[in-house]
Amino acid sequence: RAQVKNRKGENNPHSRAKAIITKLDINGDRKLNKEEFVNGCKNDEFIAKLLASD
């Protein structure tokens, strides 16, 4: 995997985590429950790639 050296903007880990939670948070409580997390992992190609083993 390529390492990201630019940690600004969309590459900022905090911003990226916040965007992922916002996208997966179906009930809008700003938290991910197990069901939201699992469904998000199954339905989001980017997240699935992040979690897949090489």
N, C-alpha and C. Protein backbone atom coordinates (compact mmCIF):
# COMPACT_ATOMS: atom_id res chain seq x y z
N ARG A 1 0.83 -1.20 0.00
CA ARG A 1 0.00 0.00 0.00
C ARG A 1 0.86 1.25 0.00
N ALA A 2 0.38 2.24 -0.68
CA ALA A 2 1.08 3.52 -0.70
C ALA A 2 0.79 4.27 0.59
N GLN A 3 1.80 4.92 1.12
CA GLN A 3 1.61 5.72 2.32
C GLN A 3 1.18 7.12 1.93
N VAL A 4 0.25 7.66 2.69
CA VAL A 4 -0.21 9.02 2.46
C VAL A 4 0.65 9.94 3.31
N LYS A 5 1.36 10.84 2.66
CA LYS A 5 2.22 11.77 3.39
C LYS A 5 1.51 13.09 3.65
N ASN A 6 0.55 13.43 2.80
CA ASN A 6 -0.21 14.66 2.97
C ASN A 6 -1.41 14.36 3.87
N ARG A 7 -1.37 14.84 5.08
CA ARG A 7 -2.44 14.57 6.06
C ARG A 7 -3.39 15.76 6.20
N LYS A 8 -3.51 16.56 5.15
CA LYS A 8 -4.38 17.73 5.20
C LYS A 8 -5.63 17.48 4.37
N GLY A 9 -6.66 18.28 4.64
CA GLY A 9 -7.90 18.18 3.86
C GLY A 9 -8.54 16.82 4.01
N GLU A 10 -8.88 16.20 2.89
CA GLU A 10 -9.57 14.91 2.93
C GLU A 10 -8.67 13.78 3.42
N ASN A 11 -7.37 14.00 3.48
CA ASN A 11 -6.43 12.99 3.97
C ASN A 11 -6.20 13.08 5.48
N ASN A 12 -6.78 14.06 6.13
CA ASN A 12 -6.66 14.21 7.58
C ASN A 12 -7.41 13.05 8.25
N PRO A 13 -6.75 12.26 9.09
CA PRO A 13 -7.41 11.10 9.70
C PRO A 13 -8.69 11.44 10.46
N HIS A 14 -8.69 12.55 11.19
CA HIS A 14 -9.89 12.96 11.94
C HIS A 14 -11.03 13.29 10.98
N SER A 15 -10.73 14.03 9.93
CA SER A 15 -11.75 14.40 8.95
C SER A 15 -12.28 13.17 8.23
N ARG A 16 -11.39 12.26 7.88
CA ARG A 16 -11.80 11.04 7.18
C ARG A 16 -12.69 10.18 8.08
N ALA A 17 -12.32 10.02 9.36
CA ALA A 17 -13.13 9.23 10.29
C ALA A 17 -14.51 9.86 10.47
N LYS A 18 -14.55 11.17 10.59
CA LYS A 18 -15.82 11.88 10.76
C LYS A 18 -16.72 11.68 9.53
N ALA A 19 -16.13 11.74 8.34
CA ALA A 19 -16.89 11.54 7.11
C ALA A 19 -17.44 10.13 7.02
N ILE A 20 -16.64 9.15 7.42
CA ILE A 20 -17.09 7.75 7.39
C ILE A 20 -18.25 7.55 8.37
N ILE A 21 -18.12 8.07 9.57
CA ILE A 21 -19.19 7.93 10.57
C ILE A 21 -20.47 8.60 10.07
N THR A 22 -20.34 9.79 9.51
CA THR A 22 -21.50 10.50 8.98
C THR A 22 -22.19 9.69 7.89
N LYS A 23 -21.40 9.09 7.02
CA LYS A 23 -21.95 8.31 5.92
C LYS A 23 -22.66 7.05 6.41
N LEU A 24 -22.12 6.39 7.42
CA LEU A 24 -22.67 5.11 7.88
C LEU A 24 -23.75 5.26 8.96
N ASP A 25 -23.82 6.41 9.59
CA ASP A 25 -24.74 6.64 10.72
C ASP A 25 -26.18 6.81 10.21
N ILE A 26 -26.89 5.71 10.10
CA ILE A 26 -28.24 5.71 9.54
C ILE A 26 -29.24 6.45 10.43
N ASN A 27 -29.17 6.27 11.74
CA ASN A 27 -30.16 6.87 12.62
C ASN A 27 -29.82 8.30 13.05
N GLY A 28 -28.67 8.81 12.64
CA GLY A 28 -28.33 10.20 12.89
C GLY A 28 -27.91 10.55 14.30
N ASP A 29 -27.51 9.56 15.11
CA ASP A 29 -27.12 9.86 16.49
C ASP A 29 -25.62 10.16 16.64
N ARG A 30 -24.92 10.23 15.51
CA ARG A 30 -23.48 10.53 15.45
C ARG A 30 -22.63 9.44 16.11
N LYS A 31 -23.19 8.25 16.21
CA LYS A 31 -22.48 7.08 16.72
C LYS A 31 -22.80 5.92 15.79
N LEU A 32 -21.89 4.96 15.71
CA LEU A 32 -22.16 3.77 14.91
C LEU A 32 -22.47 2.60 15.82
N ASN A 33 -23.64 2.02 15.63
CA ASN A 33 -23.92 0.78 16.34
C ASN A 33 -23.39 -0.38 15.48
N LYS A 34 -23.46 -1.57 16.01
CA LYS A 34 -22.89 -2.73 15.31
C LYS A 34 -23.54 -2.92 13.94
N GLU A 35 -24.85 -2.80 13.87
CA GLU A 35 -25.57 -3.00 12.61
C GLU A 35 -25.14 -1.97 11.56
N GLU A 36 -25.04 -0.71 11.95
CA GLU A 36 -24.62 0.34 11.01
C GLU A 36 -23.20 0.07 10.52
N PHE A 37 -22.32 -0.32 11.44
CA PHE A 37 -20.93 -0.60 11.07
C PHE A 37 -20.84 -1.76 10.09
N VAL A 38 -21.50 -2.86 10.41
CA VAL A 38 -21.44 -4.05 9.55
C VAL A 38 -22.03 -3.75 8.18
N ASN A 39 -23.21 -3.12 8.14
CA ASN A 39 -23.82 -2.79 6.86
C ASN A 39 -22.95 -1.84 6.05
N GLY A 40 -22.36 -0.87 6.72
CA GLY A 40 -21.48 0.06 6.03
C GLY A 40 -20.26 -0.63 5.45
N CYS A 41 -19.69 -1.54 6.21
CA CYS A 41 -18.51 -2.27 5.72
C CYS A 41 -18.85 -3.14 4.52
N LYS A 42 -20.04 -3.72 4.53
CA LYS A 42 -20.44 -4.58 3.42
C LYS A 42 -20.81 -3.78 2.17
N ASN A 43 -21.34 -2.57 2.36
CA ASN A 43 -21.88 -1.81 1.24
C ASN A 43 -21.00 -0.69 0.73
N ASP A 44 -19.89 -0.41 1.38
CA ASP A 44 -19.01 0.66 0.94
C ASP A 44 -17.69 0.06 0.46
N GLU A 45 -17.42 0.20 -0.83
CA GLU A 45 -16.23 -0.41 -1.43
C GLU A 45 -14.94 0.10 -0.80
N PHE A 46 -14.86 1.40 -0.53
CA PHE A 46 -13.65 1.98 0.06
C PHE A 46 -13.37 1.39 1.44
N ILE A 47 -14.41 1.33 2.27
CA ILE A 47 -14.23 0.79 3.62
C ILE A 47 -13.90 -0.70 3.57
N ALA A 48 -14.57 -1.42 2.68
CA ALA A 48 -14.28 -2.85 2.54
C ALA A 48 -12.82 -3.08 2.16
N LYS A 49 -12.28 -2.24 1.28
CA LYS A 49 -10.87 -2.36 0.90
C LYS A 49 -9.95 -2.04 2.07
N LEU A 50 -10.32 -1.05 2.87
CA LEU A 50 -9.50 -0.70 4.03
C LEU A 50 -9.41 -1.86 5.02
N LEU A 51 -10.50 -2.58 5.18
CA LEU A 51 -10.56 -3.64 6.17
C LEU A 51 -10.13 -5.01 5.65
N ALA A 52 -10.01 -5.13 4.33
CA ALA A 52 -9.63 -6.42 3.74
C ALA A 52 -8.16 -6.71 4.00
N SER A 53 -7.87 -7.97 4.24
CA SER A 53 -6.47 -8.35 4.40
C SER A 53 -5.83 -8.47 3.03
N ASP A 54 -4.55 -8.22 2.98
CA ASP A 54 -3.83 -8.28 1.69
C ASP A 54 -3.57 -9.68 1.26
